[in-house]
Amino acid sequence: MVPKNYSIYTTKESPFEGMCRSLLFQMEEPGNIVKIVFFGVSETNDIYVDHLQILRNCVDQYFPGRKIPISYVSQKPFVGTLNAEVLRIAFTKDVFVCYGDNYLVLEYHSSRELITGGLLPPDLSASISIQSDGVFSRIEEILIKENFPINSIVRQWNYIENITLFDGHHQHYQDFNDSRGRFYGKAIWPSGYPAATGIGTQLGGIMVEFIALSGNELINKALDNPLQIAAHHYSAGVLVSGTKQAGQQHASPKFERARLIGSASRQTVYISGTAAIRGEKSWPENNVVEQARITMENIEYLTSPGNYPFRIDTQTYKLLRVYIKEISHMDDVNQFLFNRYPDIPKIYISADVCRDELLLEIEGVAEVMVGL
């Protein structure tokens, strides 16, 4: 594996295609770009699909001969009207890339890495359960085609339209978790589940991105947080109840608090979506800055030197993605995080969080250098 770097780009409001091209024209070192996640808001799902096609066409024109994976996340950015989060790697003569249908495979000396853009179901008007099953079927097709097992997934992003909404007795997030549980149940996970984020969107139905890795020489470990119960061990008391078939149990969220991935000397830490939760209970303080403080305290504890399985020399946060429920809270959270972490690249977007009482969620990426 090679180091990854992240950049954030913003643009002012203009016709949609103009905003897309404005973002692309800002991107330096286009030859190193391997994925772009766009954040913006469309009026309806039909317009969302049209905008996604415009983004696909613009990216294909800007990167001729390369099928860069993209996602279009229906979340309102804090700055500008359309934002782009860009992933880059440093290509060397030992790194080869093969492009698929909104994904790519990076071939290293002794390992392979699969990176996807946003994978959508065939029908955004179907139920959340049917959409989720459709997306996981698409994921399984890609994994089989590229010869990656299901349990090679190490990082997953799960975007769920109106995440806390109920369709009758069925909550969107719980229906998604049940579908994910069925899909993951096809594999054995000896080293734990992927790091993951489950977050709400305004439109777009169910969309999933993931990263998978294969290679015997890789370090690939789950990180637990002693301050929090592992999400996949949540009790029934914090799972949403609803109509189930006789004997059926709702699935807990199948993800780890973080995963440590890489070589013996340099590793990436994928930090899952993290909120103001201690144990399995939400922090009771209904104050967004206090929730931000508790959330970052969880992340700092998760990534503290004593929580790694071996001694580390340095750690650098490469990115924080900050999801905030209310636009009116953006300034306060931005000021808090800027004062405390001025040098970390951050992107702020408005999104529903998986529990009504939670006001924000933060995910991230860190890089660690390991002492030998």
Protein backbone atom coordinates (compact mmCIF):
# COMPACT_ATOMS: atom_id res chain seq x y z
CA MET A 1 0.00 0.00 0.00
CA VAL A 2 1.00 3.61 -0.52
CA PRO A 3 0.21 6.76 1.51
CA LYS A 4 -3.10 8.49 0.86
CA ASN A 5 -3.81 12.20 0.93
CA TYR A 6 -7.07 14.13 0.93
CA SER A 7 -8.07 17.54 -0.40
CA ILE A 8 -11.30 19.51 -0.10
CA TYR A 9 -12.64 21.80 -2.85
CA THR A 10 -15.62 24.15 -2.82
CA THR A 11 -17.44 26.25 -5.36
CA LYS A 12 -20.05 29.00 -5.36
CA GLU A 13 -23.57 28.47 -6.67
CA SER A 14 -23.98 28.38 -10.43
CA PRO A 15 -25.62 25.98 -12.92
CA PHE A 16 -24.82 22.43 -11.82
CA GLU A 17 -22.48 21.52 -14.66
CA GLY A 18 -20.59 24.77 -14.15
CA MET A 19 -20.05 23.95 -10.47
CA CYS A 20 -18.77 20.50 -11.39
CA ARG A 21 -16.27 21.90 -13.90
CA SER A 22 -15.20 24.62 -11.46
CA LEU A 23 -14.29 21.97 -8.88
CA LEU A 24 -12.41 19.85 -11.40
CA PHE A 25 -10.40 22.82 -12.68
CA GLN A 26 -9.18 23.47 -9.12
CA MET A 27 -7.73 19.98 -8.69
CA GLU A 28 -3.96 19.94 -8.89
CA GLU A 29 -2.02 16.75 -9.66
CA PRO A 30 -4.94 15.08 -11.46
CA GLY A 31 -2.79 12.08 -12.34
CA ASN A 32 -2.71 11.01 -8.68
CA ILE A 33 -6.47 11.19 -8.09
CA VAL A 34 -8.17 7.84 -7.50
CA LYS A 35 -11.60 8.84 -6.12
CA ILE A 36 -13.86 11.90 -5.84
CA VAL A 37 -16.81 12.27 -3.46
CA PHE A 38 -19.15 15.17 -4.30
CA PHE A 39 -21.50 16.69 -1.71
CA GLY A 40 -24.52 18.74 -2.76
CA VAL A 41 -28.29 18.93 -2.77
CA SER A 42 -30.76 18.23 -5.57
CA GLU A 43 -34.50 18.89 -5.43
CA THR A 44 -35.80 15.39 -6.23
CA ASN A 45 -34.41 11.92 -6.81
CA ASP A 46 -34.97 12.31 -10.55
CA ILE A 47 -32.86 15.48 -10.53
CA TYR A 48 -30.33 13.73 -8.27
CA VAL A 49 -29.90 11.00 -10.90
CA ASP A 50 -29.53 13.64 -13.63
CA HIS A 51 -26.91 15.49 -11.58
CA LEU A 52 -25.03 12.26 -10.93
CA GLN A 53 -24.85 11.65 -14.69
CA ILE A 54 -23.57 15.20 -15.25
CA LEU A 55 -20.85 14.58 -12.67
CA ARG A 56 -19.94 11.28 -14.33
CA ASN A 57 -19.70 12.90 -17.76
CA CYS A 58 -17.61 15.84 -16.51
CA VAL A 59 -15.19 13.57 -14.62
CA ASP A 60 -14.81 11.26 -17.63
CA GLN A 61 -14.02 14.25 -19.86
CA TYR A 62 -11.53 15.68 -17.35
CA PHE A 63 -9.78 12.32 -16.89
CA PRO A 64 -9.75 10.85 -20.43
CA GLY A 65 -9.00 7.15 -20.51
CA ARG A 66 -9.53 6.77 -16.75
CA LYS A 67 -12.79 5.80 -15.06
CA ILE A 68 -12.30 7.59 -11.72
CA PRO A 69 -14.76 6.27 -9.11
CA ILE A 70 -17.17 8.99 -7.94
CA SER A 71 -19.97 9.41 -5.45
CA TYR A 72 -22.65 12.08 -5.22
CA VAL A 73 -23.82 12.39 -1.61
CA SER A 74 -27.04 14.30 -1.09
CA GLN A 75 -25.87 16.37 1.88
CA LYS A 76 -25.66 20.16 2.06
CA PRO A 77 -22.08 21.50 2.45
CA PHE A 78 -21.25 24.13 5.04
CA VAL A 79 -19.16 26.16 2.57
CA GLY A 80 -20.24 26.62 -1.03
CA THR A 81 -23.00 24.78 -2.89
CA LEU A 82 -21.10 21.77 -4.24
CA ASN A 83 -18.03 20.33 -2.50
CA ALA A 84 -15.55 17.66 -3.55
CA GLU A 85 -13.44 15.44 -1.30
CA VAL A 86 -10.54 14.09 -3.37
CA LEU A 87 -8.44 11.01 -2.58
CA ARG A 88 -4.92 10.85 -4.00
CA ILE A 89 -2.13 8.31 -3.89
CA ALA A 90 1.49 8.58 -4.95
CA PHE A 91 1.77 6.33 -7.99
CA THR A 92 5.12 4.56 -8.42
CA LYS A 93 6.39 2.07 -10.98
CA ASP A 94 5.31 -0.71 -8.61
CA VAL A 95 1.65 0.40 -8.50
CA PHE A 96 -0.74 -0.67 -11.25
CA VAL A 97 -4.37 0.35 -11.65
CA CYS A 98 -7.29 -1.38 -13.36
CA TYR A 99 -10.61 0.46 -13.78
CA GLY A 100 -14.05 -1.11 -13.46
CA ASP A 101 -17.62 0.16 -13.37
CA ASN A 102 -17.26 2.98 -10.80
CA TYR A 103 -14.43 1.24 -9.00
CA LEU A 104 -10.74 0.56 -9.44
CA VAL A 105 -8.23 -2.04 -8.28
CA LEU A 106 -4.73 -1.01 -7.24
CA GLU A 107 -2.10 -3.71 -7.60
CA TYR A 108 0.90 -3.42 -5.27
CA HIS A 109 3.95 -5.64 -4.86
CA SER A 110 2.23 -8.13 -2.57
CA SER A 111 -1.33 -6.87 -2.11
CA ARG A 112 -4.39 -5.58 -3.94
CA GLU A 113 -6.81 -2.79 -3.01
CA LEU A 114 -10.33 -2.31 -4.34
CA ILE A 115 -11.81 1.21 -4.07
CA THR A 116 -15.35 1.95 -5.17
CA GLY A 117 -17.41 5.03 -5.77
CA GLY A 118 -21.03 5.18 -4.71
CA LEU A 119 -22.98 2.02 -5.59
CA LEU A 120 -26.72 2.54 -6.03
CA PRO A 121 -29.71 0.19 -6.37
CA PRO A 122 -31.58 -0.18 -9.66
CA ASP A 123 -34.70 1.59 -8.32
CA LEU A 124 -34.55 4.53 -5.87
CA SER A 125 -38.31 4.32 -5.36
CA ALA A 126 -38.19 0.78 -3.94
CA SER A 127 -38.35 0.11 -0.20
CA ILE A 128 -35.17 0.62 1.81
CA SER A 129 -34.92 -3.12 2.41
CA ILE A 130 -35.14 -3.92 -1.32
CA GLN A 131 -32.70 -1.12 -2.19
CA SER A 132 -30.23 -2.35 0.43
CA ASP A 133 -30.40 -5.93 -0.80
CA GLY A 134 -29.86 -4.66 -4.36
CA VAL A 135 -26.76 -2.68 -3.41
CA PHE A 136 -25.26 -5.63 -1.52
CA SER A 137 -25.91 -7.84 -4.53
CA ARG A 138 -23.95 -5.35 -6.63
CA ILE A 139 -21.14 -5.37 -4.05
CA GLU A 140 -21.02 -9.16 -4.15
CA GLU A 141 -20.81 -9.11 -7.97
CA ILE A 142 -17.82 -6.75 -7.87
CA LEU A 143 -16.05 -8.78 -5.18
CA ILE A 144 -16.51 -12.02 -7.10
CA LYS A 145 -15.41 -10.46 -10.40
CA GLU A 146 -12.23 -9.04 -8.85
CA ASN A 147 -11.52 -12.09 -6.66
CA PHE A 148 -11.95 -10.44 -3.26
CA PRO A 149 -13.80 -12.32 -0.48
CA ILE A 150 -16.61 -10.56 1.38
CA ASN A 151 -14.51 -10.37 4.54
CA SER A 152 -11.80 -8.42 2.68
CA ILE A 153 -13.92 -5.25 3.08
CA VAL A 154 -12.08 -2.97 5.52
CA ARG A 155 -13.95 0.35 5.19
CA GLN A 156 -17.54 1.04 4.22
CA TRP A 157 -19.66 4.19 3.86
CA ASN A 158 -23.42 3.68 4.07
CA TYR A 159 -25.62 6.59 2.94
CA ILE A 160 -29.29 6.18 3.82
CA GLU A 161 -32.03 8.51 2.65
CA ASN A 162 -34.01 9.85 5.66
CA ILE A 163 -32.10 7.50 7.94
CA THR A 164 -34.38 7.75 11.00
CA LEU A 165 -37.66 7.79 9.05
CA PHE A 166 -40.21 5.01 9.53
CA ASP A 167 -42.13 3.40 6.67
CA GLY A 168 -44.93 2.00 8.78
CA HIS A 169 -43.12 -0.08 11.41
CA HIS A 170 -39.85 -0.17 9.47
CA GLN A 171 -37.10 2.35 10.26
CA HIS A 172 -34.77 3.01 7.33
CA TYR A 173 -31.54 2.53 9.31
CA GLN A 174 -32.71 -0.69 10.93
CA ASP A 175 -33.86 -2.11 7.61
CA PHE A 176 -30.44 -1.31 6.18
CA ASN A 177 -28.71 -2.95 9.17
CA ASP A 178 -30.83 -6.06 8.73
CA SER A 179 -29.83 -6.25 5.05
CA ARG A 180 -26.16 -5.72 5.88
CA GLY A 181 -26.39 -8.41 8.53
CA ARG A 182 -27.75 -10.89 5.98
CA PHE A 183 -24.97 -10.05 3.53
CA TYR A 184 -22.18 -10.21 6.11
CA GLY A 185 -23.64 -13.49 7.36
CA LYS A 186 -22.35 -15.12 4.17
CA ALA A 187 -18.77 -14.77 5.49
CA ILE A 188 -16.73 -15.44 8.60
CA TRP A 189 -15.00 -12.34 10.02
CA PRO A 190 -12.03 -13.65 12.04
CA SER A 191 -10.42 -10.20 12.41
CA GLY A 192 -13.62 -8.23 12.91
CA TYR A 193 -15.95 -6.22 10.71
CA PRO A 194 -15.07 -3.21 8.55
CA ALA A 195 -14.80 0.31 9.87
CA ALA A 196 -17.96 2.05 8.70
CA THR A 197 -20.17 5.10 8.70
CA GLY A 198 -23.97 4.97 8.54
CA ILE A 199 -25.30 8.45 7.87
CA GLY A 200 -28.43 10.10 6.56
CA THR A 201 -28.92 11.81 3.22
CA GLN A 202 -31.69 14.00 1.88
CA LEU A 203 -32.05 11.98 -1.34
CA GLY A 204 -30.33 9.15 -3.19
CA GLY A 205 -31.95 6.12 -1.58
CA ILE A 206 -29.28 3.67 -0.40
CA MET A 207 -25.72 4.24 -1.58
CA VAL A 208 -22.65 2.32 -0.39
CA GLU A 209 -18.93 2.85 -0.98
CA PHE A 210 -16.26 0.45 0.23
CA ILE A 211 -12.58 -0.40 0.28
CA ALA A 212 -11.40 -4.02 0.24
CA LEU A 213 -7.86 -5.34 0.69
CA SER A 214 -6.15 -8.64 0.02
CA GLY A 215 -2.58 -9.69 0.75
CA ASN A 216 -0.98 -11.99 3.29
CA GLU A 217 1.66 -9.49 4.36
CA LEU A 218 -0.80 -6.73 5.30
CA ILE A 219 -1.47 -5.66 8.87
CA ASN A 220 -5.25 -5.52 9.18
CA LYS A 221 -6.61 -5.16 12.71
CA ALA A 222 -9.82 -3.91 14.28
CA LEU A 223 -9.49 -1.24 16.96
CA ASP A 224 -11.96 -1.17 19.84
CA ASN A 225 -12.65 1.83 22.04
CA PRO A 226 -12.81 0.98 25.76
CA LEU A 227 -15.12 3.99 26.21
CA GLN A 228 -17.73 2.47 23.91
CA ILE A 229 -19.38 -0.91 23.48
CA ALA A 230 -18.63 -2.36 20.06
CA ALA A 231 -21.58 -1.47 17.83
CA HIS A 232 -22.07 -5.08 16.76
CA HIS A 233 -22.59 -5.95 20.45
CA TYR A 234 -25.34 -3.37 21.04
CA SER A 235 -28.18 -4.73 23.15
CA ALA A 236 -31.76 -4.95 21.96
CA GLY A 237 -32.51 -1.90 24.08
CA VAL A 238 -30.81 0.45 21.62
CA LEU A 239 -32.01 -1.29 18.45
CA VAL A 240 -35.18 0.05 16.88
CA SER A 241 -38.12 -2.26 17.35
CA GLY A 242 -40.59 -2.99 14.60
CA THR A 243 -42.47 -5.71 12.81
CA LYS A 244 -40.44 -8.91 12.51
CA GLN A 245 -41.21 -12.39 11.41
CA ALA A 246 -41.54 -14.96 14.18
CA GLY A 247 -38.14 -15.75 15.64
CA GLN A 248 -36.36 -13.00 13.67
CA GLN A 249 -34.05 -10.60 15.49
CA HIS A 250 -33.05 -7.15 14.34
CA ALA A 251 -29.38 -6.96 13.38
CA SER A 252 -26.96 -4.77 15.27
CA PRO A 253 -24.77 -2.40 13.22
CA LYS A 254 -21.94 -4.58 11.91
CA PHE A 255 -18.84 -2.37 12.11
CA GLU A 256 -15.73 -1.79 14.20
CA ARG A 257 -14.81 1.55 15.79
CA ALA A 258 -11.72 1.69 13.54
CA ARG A 259 -9.41 -0.48 11.45
CA LEU A 260 -5.63 -0.35 11.27
CA ILE A 261 -4.37 -1.18 7.77
CA GLY A 262 -0.95 -1.22 6.17
CA SER A 263 2.65 -2.38 6.26
CA ALA A 264 4.94 -3.03 9.19
CA SER A 265 6.21 0.55 9.15
CA ARG A 266 3.35 2.72 7.88
CA GLN A 267 -0.36 2.25 8.48
CA THR A 268 -3.66 3.95 7.83
CA VAL A 269 -6.34 4.16 10.51
CA TYR A 270 -9.91 4.29 9.18
CA ILE A 271 -11.98 5.87 11.96
CA SER A 272 -15.64 4.93 11.78
CA GLY A 273 -18.45 7.41 12.16
CA THR A 274 -18.21 8.41 15.82
CA ALA A 275 -20.71 10.27 17.98
CA ALA A 276 -21.24 11.30 21.60
CA ILE A 277 -21.93 7.76 22.81
CA ARG A 278 -20.46 6.18 25.93
CA GLY A 279 -21.01 2.50 26.42
CA GLU A 280 -24.00 2.17 24.11
CA LYS A 281 -25.94 5.20 25.40
CA SER A 282 -26.05 8.64 23.82
CA TRP A 283 -24.45 11.44 25.82
CA PRO A 284 -27.38 13.25 27.45
CA GLU A 285 -26.11 16.80 27.00
CA ASN A 286 -28.25 18.51 24.32
CA ASN A 287 -25.43 20.86 23.35
CA VAL A 288 -23.70 20.51 20.00
CA VAL A 289 -20.29 21.79 21.16
CA GLU A 290 -20.36 19.46 24.16
CA GLN A 291 -21.29 16.57 21.85
CA ALA A 292 -18.41 17.56 19.55
CA ARG A 293 -16.05 17.53 22.54
CA ILE A 294 -17.20 14.08 23.66
CA THR A 295 -17.03 12.76 20.09
CA MET A 296 -13.46 13.95 19.60
CA GLU A 297 -12.55 12.61 23.03
CA ASN A 298 -13.82 9.22 21.81
CA ILE A 299 -11.70 9.51 18.65
CA GLU A 300 -8.61 10.62 20.57
CA TYR A 301 -8.97 7.72 22.98
CA LEU A 302 -9.54 5.30 20.11
CA THR A 303 -6.34 6.48 18.40
CA SER A 304 -4.24 7.03 21.53
CA PRO A 305 -0.82 5.28 21.53
CA GLY A 306 -1.87 2.88 24.27
CA ASN A 307 -4.81 1.62 22.20
CA TYR A 308 -2.63 0.32 19.35
CA PRO A 309 -1.32 -3.26 19.43
CA PHE A 310 2.28 -2.02 19.13
CA ARG A 311 4.35 1.10 19.73
CA ILE A 312 3.89 3.93 17.26
CA ASP A 313 6.33 6.76 16.58
CA THR A 314 4.07 9.39 15.02
CA GLN A 315 0.41 9.86 14.19
CA THR A 316 -1.11 12.38 11.79
CA TYR A 317 -4.78 12.98 11.18
CA LYS A 318 -5.27 13.22 7.41
CA LEU A 319 -8.98 14.11 7.31
CA LEU A 320 -12.04 14.75 9.47
CA ARG A 321 -15.47 14.55 7.89
CA VAL A 322 -17.99 16.30 10.14
CA TYR A 323 -21.71 15.58 9.80
CA ILE A 324 -23.94 18.12 11.58
CA LYS A 325 -27.69 17.75 11.89
CA GLU A 326 -28.64 21.44 12.03
CA ILE A 327 -27.16 24.08 9.71
CA SER A 328 -27.49 26.60 12.57
CA HIS A 329 -24.90 24.59 14.57
CA MET A 330 -22.23 24.70 11.86
CA ASP A 331 -20.45 27.86 13.01
CA ASP A 332 -20.15 26.70 16.63
CA VAL A 333 -18.77 23.28 15.67
CA ASN A 334 -16.42 24.77 13.09
CA GLN A 335 -15.03 27.21 15.65
CA PHE A 336 -14.54 24.48 18.25
CA LEU A 337 -12.74 22.13 15.86
CA PHE A 338 -10.65 24.90 14.30
CA ASN A 339 -9.44 26.06 17.72
CA ARG A 340 -8.60 22.52 18.82
CA TYR A 341 -7.39 20.98 15.54
CA PRO A 342 -6.37 23.87 13.26
CA ASP A 343 -4.16 21.85 10.90
CA ILE A 344 -6.42 18.90 10.08
CA PRO A 345 -8.27 19.10 6.73
CA LYS A 346 -12.02 19.08 7.44
CA ILE A 347 -15.21 18.97 5.45
CA TYR A 348 -18.50 19.97 7.04
CA ILE A 349 -21.86 18.80 5.75
CA SER A 350 -25.41 18.75 7.03
CA ALA A 351 -26.80 15.25 7.57
CA ASP A 352 -29.21 13.30 9.73
CA VAL A 353 -27.51 11.09 12.32
CA CYS A 354 -28.71 7.59 13.18
CA ARG A 355 -30.20 8.59 16.57
CA ASP A 356 -32.62 11.48 17.04
CA GLU A 357 -30.82 12.81 20.12
CA LEU A 358 -27.39 12.94 18.45
CA LEU A 359 -26.52 16.31 16.91
CA LEU A 360 -23.38 15.37 14.99
CA GLU A 361 -21.10 12.55 13.90
CA ILE A 362 -17.41 12.65 12.94
CA GLU A 363 -15.31 10.18 10.97
CA GLY A 364 -11.68 10.40 9.98
CA VAL A 365 -8.48 8.99 8.58
CA ALA A 366 -5.13 8.97 10.37
CA GLU A 367 -1.67 7.77 9.38
CA VAL A 368 0.72 6.21 11.86
CA MET A 369 4.40 5.44 11.63
CA VAL A 370 5.28 2.32 13.56
CA GLY A 371 8.36 1.95 15.72
CA LEU A 372 10.47 -1.06 14.78
